[in-house]
PDB file of N, CA and C in Angstrom:
ATOM      1  N   MET A   1     -38.941   7.396  13.201  1.00  0.00           N
ATOM      2  CA  MET A   1     -38.607   6.012  13.638  1.00  0.00           C
ATOM      3  C   MET A   1     -39.703   5.395  14.357  1.00  0.00           C
ATOM      4  N   ALA A   2     -39.983   4.198  14.118  1.00  0.00           N
ATOM      5  CA  ALA A   2     -40.921   3.393  14.759  1.00  0.00           C
ATOM      6  C   ALA A   2     -40.476   1.938  14.920  1.00  0.00           C
ATOM      7  N   GLY A   3     -41.003   1.296  16.039  1.00  0.00           N
ATOM      8  CA  GLY A   3     -40.523  -0.158  16.203  1.00  0.00           C
ATOM      9  C   GLY A   3     -41.665  -0.847  16.991  1.00  0.00           C
ATOM     10  N   ILE A   4     -41.600  -2.190  16.875  1.00  0.00           N
ATOM     11  CA  ILE A   4     -42.613  -3.017  17.602  1.00  0.00           C
ATOM     12  C   ILE A   4     -41.889  -4.254  17.896  1.00  0.00           C
ATOM     13  N   GLU A   5     -42.250  -4.869  19.088  1.00  0.00           N
ATOM     14  CA  GLU A   5     -41.894  -6.248  19.485  1.00  0.00           C
ATOM     15  C   GLU A   5     -43.033  -6.882  19.982  1.00  0.00           C
ATOM     16  N   TYR A   6     -43.411  -8.121  19.360  1.00  0.00           N
ATOM     17  CA  TYR A   6     -44.568  -8.747  19.805  1.00  0.00           C
ATOM     18  C   TYR A   6     -44.218 -10.134  20.103  1.00  0.00           C
ATOM     19  N   PRO A   7     -44.450 -10.648  21.376  1.00  0.00           N
ATOM     20  CA  PRO A   7     -44.158 -11.957  21.846  1.00  0.00           C
ATOM     21  C   PRO A   7     -44.973 -12.990  20.982  1.00  0.00           C
ATOM     22  N   LEU A   8     -44.353 -14.118  20.643  1.00  0.00           N
ATOM     23  CA  LEU A   8     -45.051 -15.063  19.932  1.00  0.00           C
ATOM     24  C   LEU A   8     -45.122 -16.493  20.876  1.00  0.00           C
ATOM     25  N   TRP A   9     -44.018 -16.675  21.501  1.00  0.00           N
ATOM     26  CA  TRP A   9     -44.044 -17.882  22.353  1.00  0.00           C
ATOM     27  C   TRP A   9     -43.314 -17.518  23.697  1.00  0.00           C
ATOM     28  N   ARG A  10     -44.118 -17.622  24.613  1.00  0.00           N
ATOM     29  CA  ARG A  10     -43.577 -17.328  26.128  1.00  0.00           C
ATOM     30  C   ARG A  10     -42.753 -16.028  26.172  1.00  0.00           C
ATOM     31  N   GLU A  11     -41.696 -16.077  26.683  1.00  0.00           N
ATOM     32  CA  GLU A  11     -40.682 -14.972  26.815  1.00  0.00           C
ATOM     33  C   GLU A  11     -39.489 -15.242  25.903  1.00  0.00           C
ATOM     34  N   HIS A  12     -39.564 -16.240  25.089  1.00  0.00           N
ATOM     35  CA  HIS A  12     -38.425 -16.660  24.230  1.00  0.00           C
ATOM     36  C   HIS A  12     -38.330 -16.105  22.845  1.00  0.00           C
ATOM     37  N   LEU A  13     -39.564 -16.085  22.059  1.00  0.00           N
ATOM     38  CA  LEU A  13     -39.606 -15.861  20.667  1.00  0.00           C
ATOM     39  C   LEU A  13     -40.429 -14.647  20.561  1.00  0.00           C
ATOM     40  N   SER A  14     -39.945 -13.587  19.801  1.00  0.00           N
ATOM     41  CA  SER A  14     -40.818 -12.405  19.446  1.00  0.00           C
ATOM     42  C   SER A  14     -40.596 -12.005  17.970  1.00  0.00           C
ATOM     43  N   PHE A  15     -41.666 -11.487  17.387  1.00  0.00           N
ATOM     44  CA  PHE A  15     -41.635 -10.805  16.143  1.00  0.00           C
ATOM     45  C   PHE A  15     -41.174  -9.336  16.393  1.00  0.00           C
ATOM     46  N   VAL A  16     -40.205  -8.982  15.672  1.00  0.00           N
ATOM     47  CA  VAL A  16     -39.786  -7.449  15.765  1.00  0.00           C
ATOM     48  C   VAL A  16     -39.720  -6.852  14.371  1.00  0.00           C
ATOM     49  N   ALA A  17     -39.935  -5.517  14.429  1.00  0.00           N
ATOM     50  CA  ALA A  17     -39.918  -4.698  13.176  1.00  0.00           C
ATOM     51  C   ALA A  17     -39.509  -3.267  13.542  1.00  0.00           C
ATOM     52  N   ASN A  18     -38.596  -2.681  12.826  1.00  0.00           N
ATOM     53  CA  ASN A  18     -38.187  -1.293  13.035  1.00  0.00           C
ATOM     54  C   ASN A  18     -38.267  -0.598  11.606  1.00  0.00           C
ATOM     55  N   PHE A  19     -38.584   0.696  11.762  1.00  0.00           N
ATOM     56  CA  PHE A  19     -38.751   1.479  10.505  1.00  0.00           C
ATOM     57  C   PHE A  19     -38.072   2.883  10.725  1.00  0.00           C
ATOM     58  N   ILE A  20     -37.306   3.344   9.851  1.00  0.00           N
ATOM     59  CA  ILE A  20     -36.715   4.684   9.794  1.00  0.00           C
ATOM     60  C   ILE A  20     -37.288   5.344   8.545  1.00  0.00           C
ATOM     61  N   SER A  21     -37.935   6.337   8.580  1.00  0.00           N
ATOM     62  CA  SER A  21     -38.620   6.973   7.539  1.00  0.00           C
ATOM     63  C   SER A  21     -37.578   7.888   6.623  1.00  0.00           C
ATOM     64  N   GLY A  22     -37.889   8.220   5.504  1.00  0.00           N
ATOM     65  CA  GLY A  22     -37.056   9.079   4.679  1.00  0.00           C
ATOM     66  C   GLY A  22     -36.547   8.388   3.480  1.00  0.00           C
ATOM     67  N   THR A  23     -35.590   9.102   2.804  1.00  0.00           N
ATOM     68  CA  THR A  23     -35.030   8.597   1.655  1.00  0.00           C
ATOM     69  C   THR A  23     -33.451   8.730   1.796  1.00  0.00           C
ATOM     70  N   ASN A  24     -33.029   8.858   3.025  1.00  0.00           N
ATOM     71  CA  ASN A  24     -31.474   8.980   3.273  1.00  0.00           C
ATOM     72  C   ASN A  24     -30.846   7.583   3.412  1.00  0.00           C
ATOM     73  N   SER A  25     -29.511   7.560   3.885  1.00  0.00           N
ATOM     74  CA  SER A  25     -28.832   6.253   3.870  1.00  0.00           C
ATOM     75  C   SER A  25     -29.161   5.361   4.939  1.00  0.00           C
ATOM     76  N   VAL A  26     -29.972   5.899   5.947  1.00  0.00           N
ATOM     77  CA  VAL A  26     -30.439   5.002   7.086  1.00  0.00           C
ATOM     78  C   VAL A  26     -31.923   4.560   6.895  1.00  0.00           C
ATOM     79  N   SER A  27     -32.578   5.074   5.841  1.00  0.00           N
ATOM     80  CA  SER A  27     -33.963   4.877   5.635  1.00  0.00           C
ATOM     81  C   SER A  27     -34.296   3.464   5.163  1.00  0.00           C
ATOM     82  N   VAL A  28     -34.548   2.469   6.203  1.00  0.00           N
ATOM     83  CA  VAL A  28     -34.917   1.192   5.907  1.00  0.00           C
ATOM     84  C   VAL A  28     -35.962   0.723   6.825  1.00  0.00           C
ATOM     85  N   ALA A  29     -36.567  -0.391   6.566  1.00  0.00           N
ATOM     86  CA  ALA A  29     -37.366  -1.258   7.368  1.00  0.00           C
ATOM     87  C   ALA A  29     -36.611  -2.498   7.746  1.00  0.00           C
ATOM     88  N   VAL A  30     -36.719  -2.945   8.974  1.00  0.00           N
ATOM     89  CA  VAL A  30     -36.129  -4.249   9.294  1.00  0.00           C
ATOM     90  C   VAL A  30     -37.118  -5.169   9.899  1.00  0.00           C
ATOM     91  N   ILE A  31     -37.431  -6.389   9.360  1.00  0.00           N
ATOM     92  CA  ILE A  31     -38.484  -7.217   9.953  1.00  0.00           C
ATOM     93  C   ILE A  31     -37.813  -8.530  10.182  1.00  0.00           C
ATOM     94  N   GLY A  32     -38.198  -9.092  11.442  1.00  0.00           N
ATOM     95  CA  GLY A  32     -37.565 -10.391  11.676  1.00  0.00           C
ATOM     96  C   GLY A  32     -38.046 -10.962  12.974  1.00  0.00           C
ATOM     97  N   GLY A  33     -37.133 -11.715  13.638  1.00  0.00           N
ATOM     98  CA  GLY A  33     -37.440 -12.410  14.862  1.00  0.00           C
ATOM     99  C   GLY A  33     -36.375 -12.143  15.892  1.00  0.00           C
ATOM    100  N   GLN A  34     -36.690 -12.384  17.097  1.00  0.00           N
ATOM    101  CA  GLN A  34     -35.765 -12.348  18.301  1.00  0.00           C
ATOM    102  C   GLN A  34     -35.939 -13.408  19.134  1.00  0.00           C
ATOM    103  N   TRP A  35     -34.735 -14.296  19.497  1.00  0.00           N
ATOM    104  CA  TRP A  35     -34.960 -15.366  20.355  1.00  0.00           C
ATOM    105  C   TRP A  35     -34.108 -15.037  21.449  1.00  0.00           C
ATOM    106  N   THR A  36     -34.629 -15.195  22.647  1.00  0.00           N
ATOM    107  CA  THR A  36     -33.946 -15.041  23.949  1.00  0.00           C
ATOM    108  C   THR A  36     -33.433 -16.352  24.384  1.00  0.00           C
ATOM    109  N   LEU A  37     -32.115 -16.491  24.380  1.00  0.00           N
ATOM    110  CA  LEU A  37     -31.454 -17.815  24.530  1.00  0.00           C
ATOM    111  C   LEU A  37     -31.560 -18.069  26.174  1.00  0.00           C
ATOM    112  N   SER A  38     -31.219 -16.957  26.971  1.00  0.00           N
ATOM    113  CA  SER A  38     -31.165 -17.138  28.385  1.00  0.00           C
ATOM    114  C   SER A  38     -31.430 -15.787  29.132  1.00  0.00           C
ATOM    115  N   GLU A  39     -32.619 -15.721  29.839  1.00  0.00           N
ATOM    116  CA  GLU A  39     -32.860 -14.327  30.418  1.00  0.00           C
ATOM    117  C   GLU A  39     -31.925 -14.183  31.646  1.00  0.00           C
ATOM    118  N   LYS A  40     -31.502 -15.348  32.293  1.00  0.00           N
ATOM    119  CA  LYS A  40     -30.776 -15.256  33.420  1.00  0.00           C
ATOM    120  C   LYS A  40     -29.243 -14.897  33.161  1.00  0.00           C
ATOM    121  N   LYS A  41     -28.774 -15.336  31.924  1.00  0.00           N
ATOM    122  CA  LYS A  41     -27.412 -14.939  31.527  1.00  0.00           C
ATOM    123  C   LYS A  41     -27.398 -13.714  30.614  1.00  0.00           C
ATOM    124  N   GLY A  42     -28.631 -13.360  29.983  1.00  0.00           N
ATOM    125  CA  GLY A  42     -28.803 -12.184  29.216  1.00  0.00           C
ATOM    126  C   GLY A  42     -28.260 -12.316  27.775  1.00  0.00           C
ATOM    127  N   TRP A  43     -28.783 -13.246  27.012  1.00  0.00           N
ATOM    128  CA  TRP A  43     -28.273 -13.523  25.631  1.00  0.00           C
ATOM    129  C   TRP A  43     -29.637 -13.541  24.588  1.00  0.00           C
ATOM    130  N   GLN A  44     -29.519 -12.787  23.686  1.00  0.00           N
ATOM    131  CA  GLN A  44     -30.517 -12.714  22.654  1.00  0.00           C
ATOM    132  C   GLN A  44     -29.854 -12.890  21.246  1.00  0.00           C
ATOM    133  N   VAL A  45     -30.609 -13.593  20.377  1.00  0.00           N
ATOM    134  CA  VAL A  45     -30.098 -13.631  18.960  1.00  0.00           C
ATOM    135  C   VAL A  45     -31.352 -13.015  18.098  1.00  0.00           C
ATOM    136  N   SER A  46     -30.934 -12.109  17.237  1.00  0.00           N
ATOM    137  CA  SER A  46     -31.958 -11.440  16.405  1.00  0.00           C
ATOM    138  C   SER A  46     -31.663 -11.761  14.918  1.00  0.00           C
ATOM    139  N   PHE A  47     -32.647 -11.904  14.095  1.00  0.00           N
ATOM    140  CA  PHE A  47     -32.309 -12.082  12.737  1.00  0.00           C
ATOM    141  C   PHE A  47     -33.530 -11.397  11.847  1.00  0.00           C
ATOM    142  N   GLY A  48     -33.264 -11.007  10.629  1.00  0.00           N
ATOM    143  CA  GLY A  48     -34.243 -10.491   9.811  1.00  0.00           C
ATOM    144  C   GLY A  48     -33.867 -10.090   8.545  1.00  0.00           C
ATOM    145  N   ALA A  49     -34.676  -9.324   7.772  1.00  0.00           N
ATOM    146  CA  ALA A  49     -34.481  -8.816   6.401  1.00  0.00           C
ATOM    147  C   ALA A  49     -34.428  -7.363   6.464  1.00  0.00           C
ATOM    148  N   GLN A  50     -33.662  -6.712   5.871  1.00  0.00           N
ATOM    149  CA  GLN A  50     -33.479  -5.206   5.765  1.00  0.00           C
ATOM    150  C   GLN A  50     -34.163  -4.872   4.444  1.00  0.00           C
ATOM    151  N   LEU A  51     -35.241  -4.071   4.406  1.00  0.00           N
ATOM    152  CA  LEU A  51     -35.974  -3.625   3.191  1.00  0.00           C
ATOM    153  C   LEU A  51     -35.795  -2.101   3.039  1.00  0.00           C
ATOM    154  N   PRO A  52     -35.274  -1.669   1.808  1.00  0.00           N
ATOM    155  CA  PRO A  52     -34.958  -0.259   1.625  1.00  0.00           C
ATOM    156  C   PRO A  52     -36.328   0.360   1.446  1.00  0.00           C
ATOM    157  N   ASN A  53     -36.376   1.635   1.889  1.00  0.00           N
ATOM    158  CA  ASN A  53     -37.521   2.554   1.733  1.00  0.00           C
ATOM    159  C   ASN A  53     -37.665   3.017   0.322  1.00  0.00           C
ATOM    160  N   PRO A  54     -38.881   3.027  -0.173  1.00  0.00           N
ATOM    161  CA  PRO A  54     -39.055   3.543  -1.652  1.00  0.00           C
ATOM    162  C   PRO A  54     -38.471   4.885  -1.788  1.00  0.00           C
ATOM    163  N   GLY A  55     -37.655   5.175  -2.885  1.00  0.00           N
ATOM    164  CA  GLY A  55     -36.987   6.313  -3.147  1.00  0.00           C
ATOM    165  C   GLY A  55     -35.722   6.509  -2.585  1.00  0.00           C
ATOM    166  N   SER A  56     -35.292   5.549  -1.673  1.00  0.00           N
ATOM    167  CA  SER A  56     -33.886   5.633  -1.262  1.00  0.00           C
ATOM    168  C   SER A  56     -33.037   4.648  -2.094  1.00  0.00           C
ATOM    169  N   SER A  57     -31.790   4.815  -2.074  1.00  0.00           N
ATOM    170  CA  SER A  57     -30.859   4.063  -2.794  1.00  0.00           C
ATOM    171  C   SER A  57     -30.241   2.925  -2.063  1.00  0.00           C
ATOM    172  N   ASN A  58     -30.844   2.591  -0.963  1.00  0.00           N
ATOM    173  CA  ASN A  58     -30.431   1.433   0.000  1.00  0.00           C
ATOM    174  C   ASN A  58     -30.732   0.213  -0.736  1.00  0.00           C
ATOM    175  N   ASP A  59     -29.778  -0.783  -0.292  1.00  0.00           N
ATOM    176  CA  ASP A  59     -29.832  -2.232  -0.694  1.00  0.00           C
ATOM    177  C   ASP A  59     -30.754  -3.114   0.179  1.00  0.00           C
ATOM    178  N   TYR A  60     -31.198  -4.135  -0.302  1.00  0.00           N
ATOM    179  CA  TYR A  60     -31.837  -5.255   0.413  1.00  0.00           C
ATOM    180  C   TYR A  60     -30.741  -5.862   1.338  1.00  0.00           C
ATOM    181  N   GLY A  61     -31.023  -6.479   2.478  1.00  0.00           N
ATOM    182  CA  GLY A  61     -29.968  -7.073   3.222  1.00  0.00           C
ATOM    183  C   GLY A  61     -30.510  -8.049   4.190  1.00  0.00           C
ATOM    184  N   ALA A  62     -29.559  -8.770   4.756  1.00  0.00           N
ATOM    185  CA  ALA A  62     -29.932  -9.678   5.922  1.00  0.00           C
ATOM    186  C   ALA A  62     -29.292  -9.161   7.254  1.00  0.00           C
ATOM    187  N   VAL A  63     -30.015  -9.257   8.376  1.00  0.00           N
ATOM    188  CA  VAL A  63     -29.482  -8.803   9.626  1.00  0.00           C
ATOM    189  C   VAL A  63     -29.349  -9.962  10.518  1.00  0.00           C
ATOM    190  N   PHE A  64     -28.314 -10.006  11.301  1.00  0.00           N
ATOM    191  CA  PHE A  64     -27.953 -10.971  12.261  1.00  0.00           C
ATOM    192  C   PHE A  64     -27.366 -10.173  13.502  1.00  0.00           C
ATOM    193  N   GLU A  65     -27.792 -10.413  14.716  1.00  0.00           N
ATOM    194  CA  GLU A  65     -27.490  -9.634  15.849  1.00  0.00           C
ATOM    195  C   GLU A  65     -27.265 -10.608  17.086  1.00  0.00           C
ATOM    196  N   LEU A  66     -26.291 -10.504  17.753  1.00  0.00           N
ATOM    197  CA  LEU A  66     -26.075 -11.245  19.046  1.00  0.00           C
ATOM    198  C   LEU A  66     -25.946 -10.163  20.021  1.00  0.00           C
ATOM    199  N   THR A  67     -26.930 -10.182  21.074  1.00  0.00           N
ATOM    200  CA  THR A  67     -26.967  -9.209  22.094  1.00  0.00           C
ATOM    201  C   THR A  67     -26.739  -9.861  23.412  1.00  0.00           C
ATOM    202  N   LYS A  68     -25.861  -9.010  24.177  1.00  0.00           N
ATOM    203  CA  LYS A  68     -25.583  -9.390  25.620  1.00  0.00           C
ATOM    204  C   LYS A  68     -26.154  -8.336  26.460  1.00  0.00           C
ATOM    205  N   PHE A  69     -27.149  -8.603  27.318  1.00  0.00           N
ATOM    206  CA  PHE A  69     -27.789  -7.575  28.211  1.00  0.00           C
ATOM    207  C   PHE A  69     -27.516  -7.883  29.676  1.00  0.00           C
ATOM    208  N   PRO A  70     -27.596  -6.990  30.500  1.00  0.00           N
ATOM    209  CA  PRO A  70     -27.384  -7.234  31.989  1.00  0.00           C
ATOM    210  C   PRO A  70     -28.512  -8.097  32.395  1.00  0.00           C
ATOM    211  N   PRO A  71     -28.349  -9.069  33.390  1.00  0.00           N
ATOM    212  CA  PRO A  71     -29.373  -9.942  33.856  1.00  0.00           C
ATOM    213  C   PRO A  71     -30.403  -9.178  34.647  1.00  0.00           C
ATOM    214  N   SER A  72     -30.076  -8.070  35.146  1.00  0.00           N
ATOM    215  CA  SER A  72     -31.089  -7.196  35.837  1.00  0.00           C
ATOM    216  C   SER A  72     -32.078  -6.651  34.853  1.00  0.00           C
ATOM    217  N   PHE A  73     -31.799  -6.598  33.553  1.00  0.00           N
ATOM    218  CA  PHE A  73     -32.714  -6.070  32.618  1.00  0.00           C
ATOM    219  C   PHE A  73     -33.957  -7.126  32.370  1.00  0.00           C
ATOM    220  N   ALA A  74     -33.593  -8.370  32.583  1.00  0.00           N
ATOM    221  CA  ALA A  74     -34.806  -9.339  32.497  1.00  0.00           C
ATOM    222  C   ALA A  74     -35.814  -9.194  33.524  1.00  0.00           C
ATOM    223  N   LYS A  75     -35.340  -8.580  34.624  1.00  0.00           N
ATOM    224  CA  LYS A  75     -36.256  -8.408  35.824  1.00  0.00           C
ATOM    225  C   LYS A  75     -37.086  -7.059  35.646  1.00  0.00           C
ATOM    226  N   ALA A  76     -36.811  -6.289  34.728  1.00  0.00           N
ATOM    227  CA  ALA A  76     -37.396  -5.040  34.585  1.00  0.00           C
ATOM    228  C   ALA A  76     -38.895  -5.103  34.202  1.00  0.00           C
ATOM    229  N   PRO A  77     -39.919  -4.374  34.740  1.00  0.00           N
ATOM    230  CA  PRO A  77     -41.278  -4.452  34.289  1.00  0.00           C
ATOM    231  C   PRO A  77     -41.405  -4.302  32.773  1.00  0.00           C
ATOM    232  N   LYS A  78     -42.362  -5.224  32.247  1.00  0.00           N
ATOM    233  CA  LYS A  78     -42.587  -5.232  30.952  1.00  0.00           C
ATOM    234  C   LYS A  78     -44.009  -4.650  30.494  1.00  0.00           C
ATOM    235  N   LEU A  79     -44.152  -3.949  29.537  1.00  0.00           N
ATOM    236  CA  LEU A  79     -45.449  -3.565  29.014  1.00  0.00           C
ATOM    237  C   LEU A  79     -46.125  -4.582  28.271  1.00  0.00           C
ATOM    238  N   VAL A  80     -47.285  -4.935  28.655  1.00  0.00           N
ATOM    239  CA  VAL A  80     -48.058  -6.153  28.081  1.00  0.00           C
ATOM    240  C   VAL A  80     -49.302  -5.602  27.499  1.00  0.00           C
ATOM    241  N   LEU A  81     -49.463  -5.597  26.199  1.00  0.00           N
ATOM    242  CA  LEU A  81     -50.685  -5.324  25.499  1.00  0.00           C
ATOM    243  C   LEU A  81     -51.504  -6.449  25.133  1.00  0.00           C
ATOM    244  N   ARG A  82     -52.739  -6.438  25.583  1.00  0.00           N
ATOM    245  CA  ARG A  82     -53.748  -7.506  25.434  1.00  0.00           C
ATOM    246  C   ARG A  82     -54.735  -7.184  24.357  1.00  0.00           C
ATOM    247  N   HIS A  83     -55.186  -8.212  23.650  1.00  0.00           N
ATOM    248  CA  HIS A  83     -56.159  -7.724  22.666  1.00  0.00           C
ATOM    249  C   HIS A  83     -57.392  -8.613  22.811  1.00  0.00           C
TER     250      HIS A  83
END
């Protein structure tokens, strides 16, 4: 399993991707975006495409996720990669 979150615009919009290897029922890649609606109130909306791994019998799909996180989470230190 591997994943990445790359900020695109301030702290609000990010590119996200997750990958679970193998050929079993959970072997997919999900590629999409994440929009933080309010860090103070702790709401995020995620959207993307589910892509089956080669050799798995999984289907293509769409992903929509609404996340509520504790406001204290927004104050946690963030790892920042600079290029």
